[in-house]
Amino acid sequence: MIAISLCTIVANEAEVKRKYLLFKILLFQRGFRTCTLLFATIEVVNKKQSMK
């Protein structure tokens, strides 16, 4: 009985870790995309200013 409980706890921890990792990856991707967009916008603005 104790062994089953331990297995369940370990399985739950693994599940939580996996979800947390996925969340971190998603968060990182979103942050990265935001940064890319920001830099792209700055680049466009710089190009427009240099064209004037």
PDB file of N, CA and C in Angstrom:
ATOM      1  N   MET A   1       0.832  -1.208   0.000  1.00  0.00           N
ATOM      2  CA  MET A   1       0.000   0.000   0.000  1.00  0.00           C
ATOM      3  C   MET A   1       0.866   1.256   0.000  1.00  0.00           C
ATOM      4  N   ILE A   2       1.904   1.249   0.857  1.00  0.00           N
ATOM      5  CA  ILE A   2       2.804   2.407   0.934  1.00  0.00           C
ATOM      6  C   ILE A   2       3.535   2.593  -0.401  1.00  0.00           C
ATOM      7  N   ALA A   3       3.936   1.485  -1.002  1.00  0.00           N
ATOM      8  CA  ALA A   3       4.658   1.550  -2.280  1.00  0.00           C
ATOM      9  C   ALA A   3       3.778   2.188  -3.352  1.00  0.00           C
ATOM     10  N   ILE A   4       2.509   1.819  -3.374  1.00  0.00           N
ATOM     11  CA  ILE A   4       1.576   2.375  -4.362  1.00  0.00           C
ATOM     12  C   ILE A   4       1.452   3.886  -4.157  1.00  0.00           C
ATOM     13  N   SER A   5       1.353   4.308  -2.895  1.00  0.00           N
ATOM     14  CA  SER A   5       1.239   5.737  -2.582  1.00  0.00           C
ATOM     15  C   SER A   5       2.481   6.483  -3.064  1.00  0.00           C
ATOM     16  N   LEU A   6       3.638   5.902  -2.802  1.00  0.00           N
ATOM     17  CA  LEU A   6       4.894   6.521  -3.232  1.00  0.00           C
ATOM     18  C   LEU A   6       4.939   6.649  -4.747  1.00  0.00           C
ATOM     19  N   CYS A   7       4.523   5.581  -5.434  1.00  0.00           N
ATOM     20  CA  CYS A   7       4.510   5.614  -6.898  1.00  0.00           C
ATOM     21  C   CYS A   7       3.584   6.719  -7.394  1.00  0.00           C
ATOM     22  N   THR A   8       2.433   6.850  -6.749  1.00  0.00           N
ATOM     23  CA  THR A   8       1.470   7.879  -7.142  1.00  0.00           C
ATOM     24  C   THR A   8       2.068   9.260  -6.943  1.00  0.00           C
ATOM     25  N   ILE A   9       2.726   9.458  -5.801  1.00  0.00           N
ATOM     26  CA  ILE A   9       3.346  10.759  -5.505  1.00  0.00           C
ATOM     27  C   ILE A   9       4.412  11.074  -6.550  1.00  0.00           C
ATOM     28  N   VAL A  10       5.251  10.101  -6.846  1.00  0.00           N
ATOM     29  CA  VAL A  10       6.317  10.296  -7.836  1.00  0.00           C
ATOM     30  C   VAL A  10       5.715  10.624  -9.204  1.00  0.00           C
ATOM     31  N   ALA A  11       4.668   9.889  -9.579  1.00  0.00           N
ATOM     32  CA  ALA A  11       4.006  10.116 -10.863  1.00  0.00           C
ATOM     33  C   ALA A  11       3.420  11.525 -10.912  1.00  0.00           C
ATOM     34  N   ASN A  12       2.787  11.929  -9.824  1.00  0.00           N
ATOM     35  CA  ASN A  12       2.202  13.275  -9.762  1.00  0.00           C
ATOM     36  C   ASN A  12       3.280  14.334  -9.878  1.00  0.00           C
ATOM     37  N   GLU A  13       4.393  14.132  -9.186  1.00  0.00           N
ATOM     38  CA  GLU A  13       5.500  15.098  -9.239  1.00  0.00           C
ATOM     39  C   GLU A  13       6.034  15.204 -10.663  1.00  0.00           C
ATOM     40  N   ALA A  14       6.163  14.062 -11.324  1.00  0.00           N
ATOM     41  CA  ALA A  14       6.659  14.054 -12.708  1.00  0.00           C
ATOM     42  C   ALA A  14       5.692  14.820 -13.598  1.00  0.00           C
ATOM     43  N   GLU A  15       4.392  14.600 -13.387  1.00  0.00           N
ATOM     44  CA  GLU A  15       3.361  15.274 -14.175  1.00  0.00           C
ATOM     45  C   GLU A  15       3.431  16.785 -13.965  1.00  0.00           C
ATOM     46  N   VAL A  16       3.551  17.182 -12.714  1.00  0.00           N
ATOM     47  CA  VAL A  16       3.636  18.608 -12.380  1.00  0.00           C
ATOM     48  C   VAL A  16       4.880  19.223 -13.007  1.00  0.00           C
ATOM     49  N   LYS A  17       6.000  18.517 -12.913  1.00  0.00           N
ATOM     50  CA  LYS A  17       7.250  19.016 -13.489  1.00  0.00           C
ATOM     51  C   LYS A  17       7.110  19.199 -14.991  1.00  0.00           C
ATOM     52  N   ARG A  18       6.441  18.216 -15.632  1.00  0.00           N
ATOM     53  CA  ARG A  18       6.275  18.282 -17.080  1.00  0.00           C
ATOM     54  C   ARG A  18       5.409  19.474 -17.463  1.00  0.00           C
ATOM     55  N   LYS A  19       4.323  19.682 -16.727  1.00  0.00           N
ATOM     56  CA  LYS A  19       3.446  20.816 -17.007  1.00  0.00           C
ATOM     57  C   LYS A  19       4.173  22.128 -16.764  1.00  0.00           C
ATOM     58  N   TYR A  20       4.959  22.169 -15.689  1.00  0.00           N
ATOM     59  CA  TYR A  20       5.701  23.374 -15.354  1.00  0.00           C
ATOM     60  C   TYR A  20       6.725  23.687 -16.437  1.00  0.00           C
ATOM     61  N   LEU A  21       7.380  22.636 -16.921  1.00  0.00           N
ATOM     62  CA  LEU A  21       8.380  22.800 -17.980  1.00  0.00           C
ATOM     63  C   LEU A  21       7.714  23.328 -19.242  1.00  0.00           C
ATOM     64  N   LEU A  22       6.557  22.748 -19.584  1.00  0.00           N
ATOM     65  CA  LEU A  22       5.805  23.176 -20.753  1.00  0.00           C
ATOM     66  C   LEU A  22       5.414  24.645 -20.615  1.00  0.00           C
ATOM     67  N   PHE A  23       4.968  24.999 -19.403  1.00  0.00           N
ATOM     68  CA  PHE A  23       4.566  26.376 -19.122  1.00  0.00           C
ATOM     69  C   PHE A  23       5.760  27.311 -19.298  1.00  0.00           C
ATOM     70  N   LYS A  24       6.921  26.884 -18.786  1.00  0.00           N
ATOM     71  CA  LYS A  24       8.127  27.705 -18.899  1.00  0.00           C
ATOM     72  C   LYS A  24       8.521  27.875 -20.358  1.00  0.00           C
ATOM     73  N   ILE A  25       8.408  26.800 -21.130  1.00  0.00           N
ATOM     74  CA  ILE A  25       8.752  26.870 -22.559  1.00  0.00           C
ATOM     75  C   ILE A  25       7.817  27.828 -23.279  1.00  0.00           C
ATOM     76  N   LEU A  26       6.512  27.707 -22.985  1.00  0.00           N
ATOM     77  CA  LEU A  26       5.527  28.580 -23.621  1.00  0.00           C
ATOM     78  C   LEU A  26       5.785  30.034 -23.268  1.00  0.00           C
ATOM     79  N   LEU A  27       6.089  30.251 -21.997  1.00  0.00           N
ATOM     80  CA  LEU A  27       6.353  31.606 -21.515  1.00  0.00           C
ATOM     81  C   LEU A  27       7.588  32.167 -22.210  1.00  0.00           C
ATOM     82  N   PHE A  28       8.624  31.325 -22.327  1.00  0.00           N
ATOM     83  CA  PHE A  28       9.862  31.745 -22.966  1.00  0.00           C
ATOM     84  C   PHE A  28       9.617  32.084 -24.437  1.00  0.00           C
ATOM     85  N   GLN A  29       8.834  31.216 -25.114  1.00  0.00           N
ATOM     86  CA  GLN A  29       8.542  31.453 -26.530  1.00  0.00           C
ATOM     87  C   GLN A  29       7.788  32.754 -26.717  1.00  0.00           C
ATOM     88  N   ARG A  30       6.806  32.991 -25.814  1.00  0.00           N
ATOM     89  CA  ARG A  30       6.019  34.216 -25.930  1.00  0.00           C
ATOM     90  C   ARG A  30       6.918  35.427 -25.707  1.00  0.00           C
ATOM     91  N   GLY A  31       7.775  35.353 -24.701  1.00  0.00           N
ATOM     92  CA  GLY A  31       8.694  36.444 -24.408  1.00  0.00           C
ATOM     93  C   GLY A  31       9.639  36.682 -25.573  1.00  0.00           C
ATOM     94  N   PHE A  32      10.124  35.589 -26.142  1.00  0.00           N
ATOM     95  CA  PHE A  32      11.054  35.678 -27.268  1.00  0.00           C
ATOM     96  C   PHE A  32      10.380  36.335 -28.463  1.00  0.00           C
ATOM     97  N   ARG A  33       9.118  35.937 -28.704  1.00  0.00           N
ATOM     98  CA  ARG A  33       8.367  36.493 -29.831  1.00  0.00           C
ATOM     99  C   ARG A  33       8.142  37.983 -29.630  1.00  0.00           C
ATOM    100  N   THR A  34       7.810  38.359 -28.400  1.00  0.00           N
ATOM    101  CA  THR A  34       7.589  39.775 -28.081  1.00  0.00           C
ATOM    102  C   THR A  34       8.861  40.569 -28.343  1.00  0.00           C
ATOM    103  N   CYS A  35       9.995  40.029 -27.887  1.00  0.00           N
ATOM    104  CA  CYS A  35      11.284  40.699 -28.097  1.00  0.00           C
ATOM    105  C   CYS A  35      11.569  40.838 -29.584  1.00  0.00           C
ATOM    106  N   THR A  36      11.310  39.772 -30.339  1.00  0.00           N
ATOM    107  CA  THR A  36      11.558  39.795 -31.781  1.00  0.00           C
ATOM    108  C   THR A  36      10.706  40.864 -32.448  1.00  0.00           C
ATOM    109  N   LEU A  37       9.421  40.910 -32.060  1.00  0.00           N
ATOM    110  CA  LEU A  37       8.511  41.905 -32.626  1.00  0.00           C
ATOM    111  C   LEU A  37       8.992  43.308 -32.305  1.00  0.00           C
ATOM    112  N   LEU A  38       9.426  43.483 -31.061  1.00  0.00           N
ATOM    113  CA  LEU A  38       9.907  44.784 -30.609  1.00  0.00           C
ATOM    114  C   LEU A  38      11.109  45.214 -31.440  1.00  0.00           C
ATOM    115  N   PHE A  39      12.056  44.285 -31.610  1.00  0.00           N
ATOM    116  CA  PHE A  39      13.254  44.604 -32.385  1.00  0.00           C
ATOM    117  C   PHE A  39      12.913  44.864 -33.845  1.00  0.00           C
ATOM    118  N   ALA A  40      11.958  44.093 -34.381  1.00  0.00           N
ATOM    119  CA  ALA A  40      11.541  44.279 -35.768  1.00  0.00           C
ATOM    120  C   ALA A  40      10.928  45.667 -35.946  1.00  0.00           C
ATOM    121  N   THR A  41      10.113  46.069 -34.970  1.00  0.00           N
ATOM    122  CA  THR A  41       9.489  47.398 -35.026  1.00  0.00           C
ATOM    123  C   THR A  41      10.551  48.480 -34.988  1.00  0.00           C
ATOM    124  N   ILE A  42      11.521  48.317 -34.112  1.00  0.00           N
ATOM    125  CA  ILE A  42      12.607  49.303 -33.988  1.00  0.00           C
ATOM    126  C   ILE A  42      13.382  49.383 -35.311  1.00  0.00           C
ATOM    127  N   GLU A  43      13.641  48.213 -35.901  1.00  0.00           N
ATOM    128  CA  GLU A  43      14.356  48.167 -37.179  1.00  0.00           C
ATOM    129  C   GLU A  43      13.597  48.937 -38.259  1.00  0.00           C
ATOM    130  N   VAL A  44      12.294  48.706 -38.330  1.00  0.00           N
ATOM    131  CA  VAL A  44      11.459  49.369 -39.334  1.00  0.00           C
ATOM    132  C   VAL A  44      11.488  50.872 -39.116  1.00  0.00           C
ATOM    133  N   VAL A  45      11.353  51.288 -37.865  1.00  0.00           N
ATOM    134  CA  VAL A  45      11.384  52.718 -37.537  1.00  0.00           C
ATOM    135  C   VAL A  45      12.726  53.327 -37.933  1.00  0.00           C
ATOM    136  N   ASN A  46      13.811  52.616 -37.618  1.00  0.00           N
ATOM    137  CA  ASN A  46      15.156  53.099 -37.968  1.00  0.00           C
ATOM    138  C   ASN A  46      15.312  53.222 -39.476  1.00  0.00           C
ATOM    139  N   LYS A  47      14.805  52.264 -40.220  1.00  0.00           N
ATOM    140  CA  LYS A  47      14.919  52.288 -41.683  1.00  0.00           C
ATOM    141  C   LYS A  47      14.133  53.457 -42.251  1.00  0.00           C
ATOM    142  N   LYS A  48      12.943  53.672 -41.700  1.00  0.00           N
ATOM    143  CA  LYS A  48      12.106  54.780 -42.177  1.00  0.00           C
ATOM    144  C   LYS A  48      12.792  56.125 -41.906  1.00  0.00           C
ATOM    145  N   GLN A  49      13.416  56.230 -40.745  1.00  0.00           N
ATOM    146  CA  GLN A  49      14.104  57.481 -40.398  1.00  0.00           C
ATOM    147  C   GLN A  49      15.327  57.711 -41.280  1.00  0.00           C
ATOM    148  N   SER A  50      16.030  56.621 -41.592  1.00  0.00           N
ATOM    149  CA  SER A  50      17.229  56.765 -42.407  1.00  0.00           C
ATOM    150  C   SER A  50      16.862  57.051 -43.878  1.00  0.00           C
ATOM    151  N   MET A  51      15.647  56.683 -44.283  1.00  0.00           N
ATOM    152  CA  MET A  51      15.206  56.953 -45.665  1.00  0.00           C
ATOM    153  C   MET A  51      14.880  58.420 -45.881  1.00  0.00           C
ATOM    154  N   LYS A  52      14.463  59.095 -44.813  1.00  0.00           N
ATOM    155  CA  LYS A  52      14.073  60.503 -44.918  1.00  0.00           C
ATOM    156  C   LYS A  52      15.242  61.379 -45.346  1.00  0.00           C
TER     157      LYS A  52
END
